[in-house]
Amino acid sequence: MPKKYHKKPVQQQKIAKKRINFLFQHANEVFKEDSNLSDKYVKMARRIAMKYKIRLPSSIKKRFCKNCHQFLVPGVNCRVRIHKHRLIYYCFGCKHYMRHPVK
């Protein structure tokens, strides 16, 4: 019989959300000096989100590659195009496409 799904306490989830936002802000600031460090911050934020079962908002999901988990900065390490009502992100690191609908 599978284990029952238990949510983490609300207080822990609030702290985790603050930590995730802080890590993404810091990854954005540090990217120019050291892109590897910003990739590490993205991986840490993803692990926190998975551990505390927090859904990442779409604005944050668009800021890293789903394949190689690299922090994406348009024009530097990714290409962004609009094609047939979709935002298409192309990661230069792993050559992976990510498609997001546009309204």
PDB file of N, CA and C in Angstrom:
ATOM      1  N   MET A   1       0.838  -1.174   0.000  1.00  0.00           N
ATOM      2  CA  MET A   1       0.000   0.000   0.000  1.00  0.00           C
ATOM      3  C   MET A   1       0.890   1.247   0.000  1.00  0.00           C
ATOM      4  N   PRO A   2       0.600   2.221  -0.869  1.00  0.00           N
ATOM      5  CA  PRO A   2       1.453   3.418  -0.939  1.00  0.00           C
ATOM      6  C   PRO A   2       1.337   4.284   0.311  1.00  0.00           C
ATOM      7  N   LYS A   3       2.415   5.036   0.541  1.00  0.00           N
ATOM      8  CA  LYS A   3       2.417   5.946   1.687  1.00  0.00           C
ATOM      9  C   LYS A   3       1.438   7.085   1.459  1.00  0.00           C
ATOM     10  N   LYS A   4       0.911   7.596   2.545  1.00  0.00           N
ATOM     11  CA  LYS A   4      -0.034   8.696   2.467  1.00  0.00           C
ATOM     12  C   LYS A   4       0.717  10.009   2.228  1.00  0.00           C
ATOM     13  N   TYR A   5       0.124  10.874   1.448  1.00  0.00           N
ATOM     14  CA  TYR A   5       0.714  12.170   1.120  1.00  0.00           C
ATOM     15  C   TYR A   5       0.505  13.122   2.293  1.00  0.00           C
ATOM     16  N   HIS A   6       1.604  13.626   2.849  1.00  0.00           N
ATOM     17  CA  HIS A   6       1.518  14.579   3.955  1.00  0.00           C
ATOM     18  C   HIS A   6       2.148  15.894   3.528  1.00  0.00           C
ATOM     19  N   LYS A   7       1.430  16.971   3.746  1.00  0.00           N
ATOM     20  CA  LYS A   7       1.983  18.294   3.474  1.00  0.00           C
ATOM     21  C   LYS A   7       2.847  18.726   4.648  1.00  0.00           C
ATOM     22  N   LYS A   8       3.832  19.536   4.347  1.00  0.00           N
ATOM     23  CA  LYS A   8       4.670  20.108   5.395  1.00  0.00           C
ATOM     24  C   LYS A   8       3.878  21.219   6.085  1.00  0.00           C
ATOM     25  N   PRO A   9       4.243  21.546   7.313  1.00  0.00           N
ATOM     26  CA  PRO A   9       3.547  22.638   8.013  1.00  0.00           C
ATOM     27  C   PRO A   9       3.632  23.956   7.238  1.00  0.00           C
ATOM     28  N   VAL A  10       2.599  24.774   7.388  1.00  0.00           N
ATOM     29  CA  VAL A  10       2.481  26.032   6.639  1.00  0.00           C
ATOM     30  C   VAL A  10       3.661  26.956   6.925  1.00  0.00           C
ATOM     31  N   GLN A  11       4.099  27.001   8.162  1.00  0.00           N
ATOM     32  CA  GLN A  11       5.222  27.873   8.531  1.00  0.00           C
ATOM     33  C   GLN A  11       6.488  27.476   7.769  1.00  0.00           C
ATOM     34  N   GLN A  12       6.739  26.176   7.656  1.00  0.00           N
ATOM     35  CA  GLN A  12       7.915  25.704   6.924  1.00  0.00           C
ATOM     36  C   GLN A  12       7.799  26.043   5.440  1.00  0.00           C
ATOM     37  N   GLN A  13       6.597  25.944   4.887  1.00  0.00           N
ATOM     38  CA  GLN A  13       6.408  26.269   3.478  1.00  0.00           C
ATOM     39  C   GLN A  13       6.647  27.754   3.204  1.00  0.00           C
ATOM     40  N   LYS A  14       6.224  28.624   4.121  1.00  0.00           N
ATOM     41  CA  LYS A  14       6.459  30.064   3.949  1.00  0.00           C
ATOM     42  C   LYS A  14       7.948  30.369   3.943  1.00  0.00           C
ATOM     43  N   ILE A  15       8.673  29.750   4.864  1.00  0.00           N
ATOM     44  CA  ILE A  15      10.122  29.955   4.938  1.00  0.00           C
ATOM     45  C   ILE A  15      10.780  29.449   3.653  1.00  0.00           C
ATOM     46  N   ALA A  16      10.327  28.300   3.167  1.00  0.00           N
ATOM     47  CA  ALA A  16      10.890  27.721   1.946  1.00  0.00           C
ATOM     48  C   ALA A  16      10.624  28.629   0.742  1.00  0.00           C
ATOM     49  N   LYS A  17       9.431  29.211   0.646  1.00  0.00           N
ATOM     50  CA  LYS A  17       9.114  30.122  -0.467  1.00  0.00           C
ATOM     51  C   LYS A  17      10.013  31.349  -0.441  1.00  0.00           C
ATOM     52  N   LYS A  18      10.235  31.897   0.761  1.00  0.00           N
ATOM     53  CA  LYS A  18      11.125  33.057   0.886  1.00  0.00           C
ATOM     54  C   LYS A  18      12.536  32.691   0.447  1.00  0.00           C
ATOM     55  N   ARG A  19      12.980  31.498   0.844  1.00  0.00           N
ATOM     56  CA  ARG A  19      14.324  31.042   0.503  1.00  0.00           C
ATOM     57  C   ARG A  19      14.469  30.856  -1.013  1.00  0.00           C
ATOM     58  N   ILE A  20      13.444  30.297  -1.649  1.00  0.00           N
ATOM     59  CA  ILE A  20      13.472  30.090  -3.102  1.00  0.00           C
ATOM     60  C   ILE A  20      13.559  31.433  -3.826  1.00  0.00           C
ATOM     61  N   ASN A  21      12.736  32.396  -3.417  1.00  0.00           N
ATOM     62  CA  ASN A  21      12.774  33.727  -4.044  1.00  0.00           C
ATOM     63  C   ASN A  21      14.129  34.387  -3.845  1.00  0.00           C
ATOM     64  N   PHE A  22      14.691  34.254  -2.637  1.00  0.00           N
ATOM     65  CA  PHE A  22      16.006  34.829  -2.358  1.00  0.00           C
ATOM     66  C   PHE A  22      17.069  34.200  -3.259  1.00  0.00           C
ATOM     67  N   LEU A  23      17.026  32.875  -3.420  1.00  0.00           N
ATOM     68  CA  LEU A  23      18.029  32.192  -4.237  1.00  0.00           C
ATOM     69  C   LEU A  23      17.950  32.633  -5.702  1.00  0.00           C
ATOM     70  N   PHE A  24      16.740  32.802  -6.226  1.00  0.00           N
ATOM     71  CA  PHE A  24      16.619  33.247  -7.616  1.00  0.00           C
ATOM     72  C   PHE A  24      17.067  34.694  -7.787  1.00  0.00           C
ATOM     73  N   GLN A  25      16.775  35.553  -6.822  1.00  0.00           N
ATOM     74  CA  GLN A  25      17.254  36.936  -6.900  1.00  0.00           C
ATOM     75  C   GLN A  25      18.775  36.970  -6.853  1.00  0.00           C
ATOM     76  N   HIS A  26      19.343  36.172  -5.966  1.00  0.00           N
ATOM     77  CA  HIS A  26      20.796  36.141  -5.823  1.00  0.00           C
ATOM     78  C   HIS A  26      21.449  35.539  -7.076  1.00  0.00           C
ATOM     79  N   ALA A  27      20.814  34.530  -7.668  1.00  0.00           N
ATOM     80  CA  ALA A  27      21.341  33.935  -8.901  1.00  0.00           C
ATOM     81  C   ALA A  27      21.379  34.976 -10.015  1.00  0.00           C
ATOM     82  N   ASN A  28      20.370  35.836 -10.065  1.00  0.00           N
ATOM     83  CA  ASN A  28      20.322  36.890 -11.075  1.00  0.00           C
ATOM     84  C   ASN A  28      21.450  37.899 -10.866  1.00  0.00           C
ATOM     85  N   GLU A  29      21.731  38.242  -9.616  1.00  0.00           N
ATOM     86  CA  GLU A  29      22.785  39.216  -9.310  1.00  0.00           C
ATOM     87  C   GLU A  29      24.174  38.654  -9.581  1.00  0.00           C
ATOM     88  N   VAL A  30      24.376  37.385  -9.277  1.00  0.00           N
ATOM     89  CA  VAL A  30      25.703  36.772  -9.349  1.00  0.00           C
ATOM     90  C   VAL A  30      26.044  36.298 -10.764  1.00  0.00           C
ATOM     91  N   PHE A  31      25.060  36.215 -11.647  1.00  0.00           N
ATOM     92  CA  PHE A  31      25.259  35.610 -12.965  1.00  0.00           C
ATOM     93  C   PHE A  31      26.412  36.235 -13.743  1.00  0.00           C
ATOM     94  N   LYS A  32      26.550  37.550 -13.698  1.00  0.00           N
ATOM     95  CA  LYS A  32      27.600  38.218 -14.482  1.00  0.00           C
ATOM     96  C   LYS A  32      28.999  37.822 -14.023  1.00  0.00           C
ATOM     97  N   GLU A  33      29.176  37.641 -12.715  1.00  0.00           N
ATOM     98  CA  GLU A  33      30.492  37.276 -12.199  1.00  0.00           C
ATOM     99  C   GLU A  33      30.779  35.783 -12.360  1.00  0.00           C
ATOM    100  N   ASP A  34      29.803  34.945 -11.986  1.00  0.00           N
ATOM    101  CA  ASP A  34      30.038  33.499 -11.993  1.00  0.00           C
ATOM    102  C   ASP A  34      28.742  32.771 -12.344  1.00  0.00           C
ATOM    103  N   SER A  35      28.640  32.324 -13.583  1.00  0.00           N
ATOM    104  CA  SER A  35      27.402  31.654 -14.018  1.00  0.00           C
ATOM    105  C   SER A  35      27.239  30.280 -13.368  1.00  0.00           C
ATOM    106  N   ASN A  36      28.350  29.628 -13.032  1.00  0.00           N
ATOM    107  CA  ASN A  36      28.251  28.318 -12.370  1.00  0.00           C
ATOM    108  C   ASN A  36      27.620  28.447 -10.995  1.00  0.00           C
ATOM    109  N   LEU A  37      27.907  29.522 -10.306  1.00  0.00           N
ATOM    110  CA  LEU A  37      27.327  29.747  -8.983  1.00  0.00           C
ATOM    111  C   LEU A  37      25.826  29.992  -9.098  1.00  0.00           C
ATOM    112  N   SER A  38      25.412  30.718 -10.125  1.00  0.00           N
ATOM    113  CA  SER A  38      23.976  30.947 -10.310  1.00  0.00           C
ATOM    114  C   SER A  38      23.259  29.642 -10.653  1.00  0.00           C
ATOM    115  N   ASP A  39      23.913  28.747 -11.403  1.00  0.00           N
ATOM    116  CA  ASP A  39      23.327  27.433 -11.695  1.00  0.00           C
ATOM    117  C   ASP A  39      23.168  26.623 -10.412  1.00  0.00           C
ATOM    118  N   LYS A  40      24.131  26.758  -9.533  1.00  0.00           N
ATOM    119  CA  LYS A  40      24.072  26.050  -8.246  1.00  0.00           C
ATOM    120  C   LYS A  40      22.900  26.562  -7.400  1.00  0.00           C
ATOM    121  N   TYR A  41      22.670  27.873  -7.429  1.00  0.00           N
ATOM    122  CA  TYR A  41      21.538  28.443  -6.688  1.00  0.00           C
ATOM    123  C   TYR A  41      20.204  27.930  -7.237  1.00  0.00           C
ATOM    124  N   VAL A  42      20.124  27.776  -8.556  1.00  0.00           N
ATOM    125  CA  VAL A  42      18.900  27.253  -9.173  1.00  0.00           C
ATOM    126  C   VAL A  42      18.655  25.819  -8.710  1.00  0.00           C
ATOM    127  N   LYS A  43      19.704  25.015  -8.694  1.00  0.00           N
ATOM    128  CA  LYS A  43      19.552  23.623  -8.249  1.00  0.00           C
ATOM    129  C   LYS A  43      19.124  23.555  -6.790  1.00  0.00           C
ATOM    130  N   MET A  44      19.688  24.442  -5.964  1.00  0.00           N
ATOM    131  CA  MET A  44      19.297  24.474  -4.548  1.00  0.00           C
ATOM    132  C   MET A  44      17.828  24.862  -4.404  1.00  0.00           C
ATOM    133  N   ALA A  45      17.386  25.853  -5.170  1.00  0.00           N
ATOM    134  CA  ALA A  45      15.994  26.305  -5.101  1.00  0.00           C
ATOM    135  C   ALA A  45      15.040  25.199  -5.550  1.00  0.00           C
ATOM    136  N   ARG A  46      15.409  24.473  -6.591  1.00  0.00           N
ATOM    137  CA  ARG A  46      14.572  23.361  -7.059  1.00  0.00           C
ATOM    138  C   ARG A  46      14.466  22.270  -5.996  1.00  0.00           C
ATOM    139  N   ARG A  47      15.572  21.962  -5.352  1.00  0.00           N
ATOM    140  CA  ARG A  47      15.554  20.927  -4.308  1.00  0.00           C
ATOM    141  C   ARG A  47      14.659  21.332  -3.145  1.00  0.00           C
ATOM    142  N   ILE A  48      14.723  22.596  -2.758  1.00  0.00           N
ATOM    143  CA  ILE A  48      13.866  23.091  -1.671  1.00  0.00           C
ATOM    144  C   ILE A  48      12.401  22.978  -2.085  1.00  0.00           C
ATOM    145  N   ALA A  49      12.094  23.369  -3.323  1.00  0.00           N
ATOM    146  CA  ALA A  49      10.707  23.302  -3.806  1.00  0.00           C
ATOM    147  C   ALA A  49      10.199  21.864  -3.820  1.00  0.00           C
ATOM    148  N   MET A  50      11.040  20.933  -4.223  1.00  0.00           N
ATOM    149  CA  MET A  50      10.616  19.533  -4.254  1.00  0.00           C
ATOM    150  C   MET A  50      10.459  18.972  -2.843  1.00  0.00           C
ATOM    151  N   LYS A  51      11.364  19.346  -1.960  1.00  0.00           N
ATOM    152  CA  LYS A  51      11.311  18.819  -0.596  1.00  0.00           C
ATOM    153  C   LYS A  51      10.050  19.271   0.131  1.00  0.00           C
ATOM    154  N   TYR A  52       9.692  20.547  -0.030  1.00  0.00           N
ATOM    155  CA  TYR A  52       8.531  21.093   0.673  1.00  0.00           C
ATOM    156  C   TYR A  52       7.272  21.113  -0.190  1.00  0.00           C
ATOM    157  N   LYS A  53       7.340  20.463  -1.359  1.00  0.00           N
ATOM    158  CA  LYS A  53       6.188  20.311  -2.260  1.00  0.00           C
ATOM    159  C   LYS A  53       5.556  21.659  -2.605  1.00  0.00           C
ATOM    160  N   ILE A  54       6.410  22.577  -3.048  1.00  0.00           N
ATOM    161  CA  ILE A  54       5.970  23.921  -3.419  1.00  0.00           C
ATOM    162  C   ILE A  54       5.999  24.032  -4.937  1.00  0.00           C
ATOM    163  N   ARG A  55       4.912  24.522  -5.505  1.00  0.00           N
ATOM    164  CA  ARG A  55       4.858  24.760  -6.941  1.00  0.00           C
ATOM    165  C   ARG A  55       5.587  26.045  -7.271  1.00  0.00           C
ATOM    166  N   LEU A  56       6.487  25.977  -8.235  1.00  0.00           N
ATOM    167  CA  LEU A  56       7.183  27.184  -8.668  1.00  0.00           C
ATOM    168  C   LEU A  56       6.280  27.966  -9.614  1.00  0.00           C
ATOM    169  N   PRO A  57       6.179  29.285  -9.437  1.00  0.00           N
ATOM    170  CA  PRO A  57       5.371  30.088 -10.360  1.00  0.00           C
ATOM    171  C   PRO A  57       5.983  30.090 -11.763  1.00  0.00           C
ATOM    172  N   SER A  58       5.164  30.355 -12.758  1.00  0.00           N
ATOM    173  CA  SER A  58       5.638  30.299 -14.145  1.00  0.00           C
ATOM    174  C   SER A  58       6.736  31.327 -14.415  1.00  0.00           C
ATOM    175  N   SER A  59       6.717  32.443 -13.699  1.00  0.00           N
ATOM    176  CA  SER A  59       7.770  33.449 -13.895  1.00  0.00           C
ATOM    177  C   SER A  59       9.135  32.900 -13.483  1.00  0.00           C
ATOM    178  N   ILE A  60       9.157  32.037 -12.484  1.00  0.00           N
ATOM    179  CA  ILE A  60      10.416  31.425 -12.050  1.00  0.00           C
ATOM    180  C   ILE A  60      10.764  30.247 -12.952  1.00  0.00           C
ATOM    181  N   LYS A  61       9.769  29.486 -13.382  1.00  0.00           N
ATOM    182  CA  LYS A  61      10.025  28.327 -14.238  1.00  0.00           C
ATOM    183  C   LYS A  61      10.684  28.721 -15.555  1.00  0.00           C
ATOM    184  N   LYS A  62      10.371  29.918 -16.044  1.00  0.00           N
ATOM    185  CA  LYS A  62      10.934  30.370 -17.315  1.00  0.00           C
ATOM    186  C   LYS A  62      12.379  30.828 -17.174  1.00  0.00           C
ATOM    187  N   ARG A  63      12.888  30.899 -15.960  1.00  0.00           N
ATOM    188  CA  ARG A  63      14.223  31.444 -15.738  1.00  0.00           C
ATOM    189  C   ARG A  63      15.308  30.385 -15.637  1.00  0.00           C
ATOM    190  N   PHE A  64      14.933  29.093 -15.786  1.00  0.00           N
ATOM    191  CA  PHE A  64      15.956  28.057 -15.810  1.00  0.00           C
ATOM    192  C   PHE A  64      15.569  26.966 -16.799  1.00  0.00           C
ATOM    193  N   CYS A  65      16.579  26.270 -17.300  1.00  0.00           N
ATOM    194  CA  CYS A  65      16.361  25.207 -18.276  1.00  0.00           C
ATOM    195  C   CYS A  65      15.845  23.969 -17.556  1.00  0.00           C
ATOM    196  N   LYS A  66      14.806  23.366 -18.100  1.00  0.00           N
ATOM    197  CA  LYS A  66      14.228  22.185 -17.473  1.00  0.00           C
ATOM    198  C   LYS A  66      15.081  20.941 -17.706  1.00  0.00           C
ATOM    199  N   ASN A  67      15.978  20.995 -18.671  1.00  0.00           N
ATOM    200  CA  ASN A  67      16.805  19.842 -18.996  1.00  0.00           C
ATOM    201  C   ASN A  67      18.123  19.838 -18.213  1.00  0.00           C
ATOM    202  N   CYS A  68      18.862  20.947 -18.261  1.00  0.00           N
ATOM    203  CA  CYS A  68      20.178  20.992 -17.604  1.00  0.00           C
ATOM    204  C   CYS A  68      20.178  21.860 -16.345  1.00  0.00           C
ATOM    205  N   HIS A  69      19.052  22.478 -16.007  1.00  0.00           N
ATOM    206  CA  HIS A  69      18.880  23.310 -14.808  1.00  0.00           C
ATOM    207  C   HIS A  69      19.854  24.484 -14.763  1.00  0.00           C
ATOM    208  N   GLN A  70      20.129  25.058 -15.922  1.00  0.00           N
ATOM    209  CA  GLN A  70      21.003  26.218 -16.020  1.00  0.00           C
ATOM    210  C   GLN A  70      20.159  27.483 -15.889  1.00  0.00           C
ATOM    211  N   PHE A  71      20.672  28.472 -15.154  1.00  0.00           N
ATOM    212  CA  PHE A  71      19.990  29.757 -15.025  1.00  0.00           C
ATOM    213  C   PHE A  71      20.034  30.454 -16.377  1.00  0.00           C
ATOM    214  N   LEU A  72      18.874  30.879 -16.887  1.00  0.00           N
ATOM    215  CA  LEU A  72      18.792  31.446 -18.228  1.00  0.00           C
ATOM    216  C   LEU A  72      18.690  32.967 -18.200  1.00  0.00           C
ATOM    217  N   VAL A  73      19.517  33.593 -19.010  1.00  0.00           N
ATOM    218  CA  VAL A  73      19.459  35.035 -19.226  1.00  0.00           C
ATOM    219  C   VAL A  73      19.315  35.237 -20.733  1.00  0.00           C
ATOM    220  N   PRO A  74      18.168  35.748 -21.187  1.00  0.00           N
ATOM    221  CA  PRO A  74      17.948  35.904 -22.627  1.00  0.00           C
ATOM    222  C   PRO A  74      19.040  36.739 -23.292  1.00  0.00           C
ATOM    223  N   GLY A  75      19.547  36.220 -24.407  1.00  0.00           N
ATOM    224  CA  GLY A  75      20.591  36.904 -25.153  1.00  0.00           C
ATOM    225  C   GLY A  75      21.990  36.513 -24.739  1.00  0.00           C
ATOM    226  N   VAL A  76      22.145  35.933 -23.558  1.00  0.00           N
ATOM    227  CA  VAL A  76      23.467  35.534 -23.084  1.00  0.00           C
ATOM    228  C   VAL A  76      23.645  34.027 -23.234  1.00  0.00           C
ATOM    229  N   ASN A  77      22.769  33.251 -22.614  1.00  0.00           N
ATOM    230  CA  ASN A  77      22.888  31.800 -22.715  1.00  0.00           C
ATOM    231  C   ASN A  77      21.583  31.133 -23.159  1.00  0.00           C
ATOM    232  N   CYS A  78      20.648  31.935 -23.669  1.00  0.00           N
ATOM    233  CA  CYS A  78      19.432  31.359 -24.250  1.00  0.00           C
ATOM    234  C   CYS A  78      18.863  32.320 -25.288  1.00  0.00           C
ATOM    235  N   ARG A  79      18.047  31.764 -26.155  1.00  0.00           N
ATOM    236  CA  ARG A  79      17.381  32.547 -27.191  1.00  0.00           C
ATOM    237  C   ARG A  79      15.883  32.471 -26.928  1.00  0.00           C
ATOM    238  N   VAL A  80      15.195  33.597 -27.063  1.00  0.00           N
ATOM    239  CA  VAL A  80      13.749  33.641 -26.848  1.00  0.00           C
ATOM    240  C   VAL A  80      13.084  34.100 -28.139  1.00  0.00           C
ATOM    241  N   ARG A  81      12.112  33.314 -28.594  1.00  0.00           N
ATOM    242  CA  ARG A  81      11.366  33.643 -29.800  1.00  0.00           C
ATOM    243  C   ARG A  81       9.874  33.499 -29.521  1.00  0.00           C
ATOM    244  N   ILE A  82       9.070  34.225 -30.280  1.00  0.00           N
ATOM    245  CA  ILE A  82       7.620  34.064 -30.225  1.00  0.00           C
ATOM    246  C   ILE A  82       7.204  33.466 -31.561  1.00  0.00           C
ATOM    247  N   HIS A  83       6.520  32.312 -31.506  1.00  0.00           N
ATOM    248  CA  HIS A  83       6.109  31.619 -32.721  1.00  0.00           C
ATOM    249  C   HIS A  83       4.775  30.930 -32.480  1.00  0.00           C
ATOM    250  N   LYS A  84       3.772  31.320 -33.244  1.00  0.00           N
ATOM    251  CA  LYS A  84       2.432  30.716 -33.166  1.00  0.00           C
ATOM    252  C   LYS A  84       1.896  30.675 -31.737  1.00  0.00           C
ATOM    253  N   HIS A  85       1.807  31.830 -31.113  1.00  0.00           N
ATOM    254  CA  HIS A  85       1.253  31.979 -29.760  1.00  0.00           C
ATOM    255  C   HIS A  85       2.028  31.172 -28.714  1.00  0.00           C
ATOM    256  N   ARG A  86       3.321  31.051 -28.908  1.00  0.00           N
ATOM    257  CA  ARG A  86       4.166  30.361 -27.937  1.00  0.00           C
ATOM    258  C   ARG A  86       5.451  31.142 -27.726  1.00  0.00           C
ATOM    259  N   LEU A  87       5.920  31.135 -26.497  1.00  0.00           N
ATOM    260  CA  LEU A  87       7.259  31.636 -26.196  1.00  0.00           C
ATOM    261  C   LEU A  87       8.180  30.433 -26.279  1.00  0.00           C
ATOM    262  N   ILE A  88       9.200  30.495 -27.093  1.00  0.00           N
ATOM    263  CA  ILE A  88      10.116  29.371 -27.244  1.00  0.00           C
ATOM    264  C   ILE A  88      11.481  29.787 -26.716  1.00  0.00           C
ATOM    265  N   TYR A  89      11.935  29.085 -25.685  1.00  0.00           N
ATOM    266  CA  TYR A  89      13.251  29.307 -25.104  1.00  0.00           C
ATOM    267  C   TYR A  89      14.174  28.212 -25.626  1.00  0.00           C
ATOM    268  N   TYR A  90      15.354  28.609 -26.113  1.00  0.00           N
ATOM    269  CA  TYR A  90      16.344  27.661 -26.602  1.00  0.00           C
ATOM    270  C   TYR A  90      17.596  27.811 -25.746  1.00  0.00           C
ATOM    271  N   CYS A  91      17.954  26.773 -25.025  1.00  0.00           N
ATOM    272  CA  CYS A  91      19.117  26.795 -24.136  1.00  0.00           C
ATOM    273  C   CYS A  91      20.372  26.509 -24.952  1.00  0.00           C
ATOM    274  N   PHE A  92      21.368  27.387 -24.852  1.00  0.00           N
ATOM    275  CA  PHE A  92      22.620  27.180 -25.567  1.00  0.00           C
ATOM    276  C   PHE A  92      23.467  26.092 -24.911  1.00  0.00           C
ATOM    277  N   GLY A  93      23.255  25.835 -23.630  1.00  0.00           N
ATOM    278  CA  GLY A  93      24.056  24.847 -22.911  1.00  0.00           C
ATOM    279  C   GLY A  93      23.773  23.419 -23.344  1.00  0.00           C
ATOM    280  N   CYS A  94      22.487  23.049 -23.393  1.00  0.00           N
ATOM    281  CA  CYS A  94      22.124  21.662 -23.707  1.00  0.00           C
ATOM    282  C   CYS A  94      21.365  21.552 -25.027  1.00  0.00           C
ATOM    283  N   LYS A  95      21.130  22.685 -25.697  1.00  0.00           N
ATOM    284  CA  LYS A  95      20.414  22.736 -26.972  1.00  0.00           C
ATOM    285  C   LYS A  95      19.008  22.147 -26.860  1.00  0.00           C
ATOM    286  N   HIS A  96      18.317  22.525 -25.813  1.00  0.00           N
ATOM    287  CA  HIS A  96      16.975  22.030 -25.527  1.00  0.00           C
ATOM    288  C   HIS A  96      15.976  23.169 -25.714  1.00  0.00           C
ATOM    289  N   TYR A  97      14.794  22.866 -26.274  1.00  0.00           N
ATOM    290  CA  TYR A  97      13.734  23.851 -26.465  1.00  0.00           C
ATOM    291  C   TYR A  97      12.706  23.726 -25.354  1.00  0.00           C
ATOM    292  N   MET A  98      12.214  24.860 -24.874  1.00  0.00           N
ATOM    293  CA  MET A  98      11.116  24.880 -23.910  1.00  0.00           C
ATOM    294  C   MET A  98      10.037  25.785 -24.484  1.00  0.00           C
ATOM    295  N   ARG A  99       8.812  25.310 -24.505  1.00  0.00           N
ATOM    296  CA  ARG A  99       7.711  26.069 -25.096  1.00  0.00           C
ATOM    297  C   ARG A  99       6.695  26.430 -24.029  1.00  0.00           C
ATOM    298  N   HIS A 100       6.342  27.711 -23.974  1.00  0.00           N
ATOM    299  CA  HIS A 100       5.361  28.211 -23.016  1.00  0.00           C
ATOM    300  C   HIS A 100       4.263  28.933 -23.785  1.00  0.00           C
ATOM    301  N   PRO A 101       2.995  28.662 -23.487  1.00  0.00           N
ATOM    302  CA  PRO A 101       1.909  29.335 -24.207  1.00  0.00           C
ATOM    303  C   PRO A 101       1.839  30.821 -23.875  1.00  0.00           C
ATOM    304  N   VAL A 102       1.425  31.616 -24.867  1.00  0.00           N
ATOM    305  CA  VAL A 102       1.250  33.054 -24.698  1.00  0.00           C
ATOM    306  C   VAL A 102      -0.201  33.375 -25.004  1.00  0.00           C
ATOM    307  N   LYS A 103      -0.821  34.161 -24.147  1.00  0.00           N
ATOM    308  CA  LYS A 103      -2.216  34.534 -24.375  1.00  0.00           C
ATOM    309  C   LYS A 103      -2.292  35.835 -25.135  1.00  0.00           C
TER     310      LYS A 103
END
